[in-house]
């Protein structure tokens, strides 16, 4: 009797180990980040909304996307826990004033996709995806804009000083 009981215990232990291994493998397959990321079609409506919202914050007139094409999702970036999004796009900011309508065209044609400059990043959130610009990039852009403004202010002051001396 003892020999049969030992065989049953060994078999049960083997089945338990096999079941655990299956759970680990399936968990790795289904819970790890998708290295392919979301498809461009899945994120296109959100990308358009993201670009429009970002542009409206920088445009005092009407803002629109005149072209959005070649949307690609890059490889997963572990440090950001997100995928980069590349796209060629053009946006237009139209301002109406008493002197007429002026338009400012902003384009990144052929830069984003061919040179792999990301437009934004996307990460999984619940059942869908969230598009964002990482804080490290927004901080760097803010610092750059401050330095540019300071240099511009300094240059303007020097220009005014030169005018006064002439």
Foldseek 3Di string as FASTA:
>chain_A
DVVVVVVVVVVVVVVVVVVVVVVVVVCCVPVPDDQQDDACVQCVVVVLVVVLVVVVVVAPAHKHWPDKDPWGWATQDPVVQWTFIFIWTKMWHWDQDPVGIDIDIDTCPPPCPVVVDGPWIWHDDVPGIDTHHDPVVVVVVVVVVVVVVVVVVVVVVVVVVVVVVD
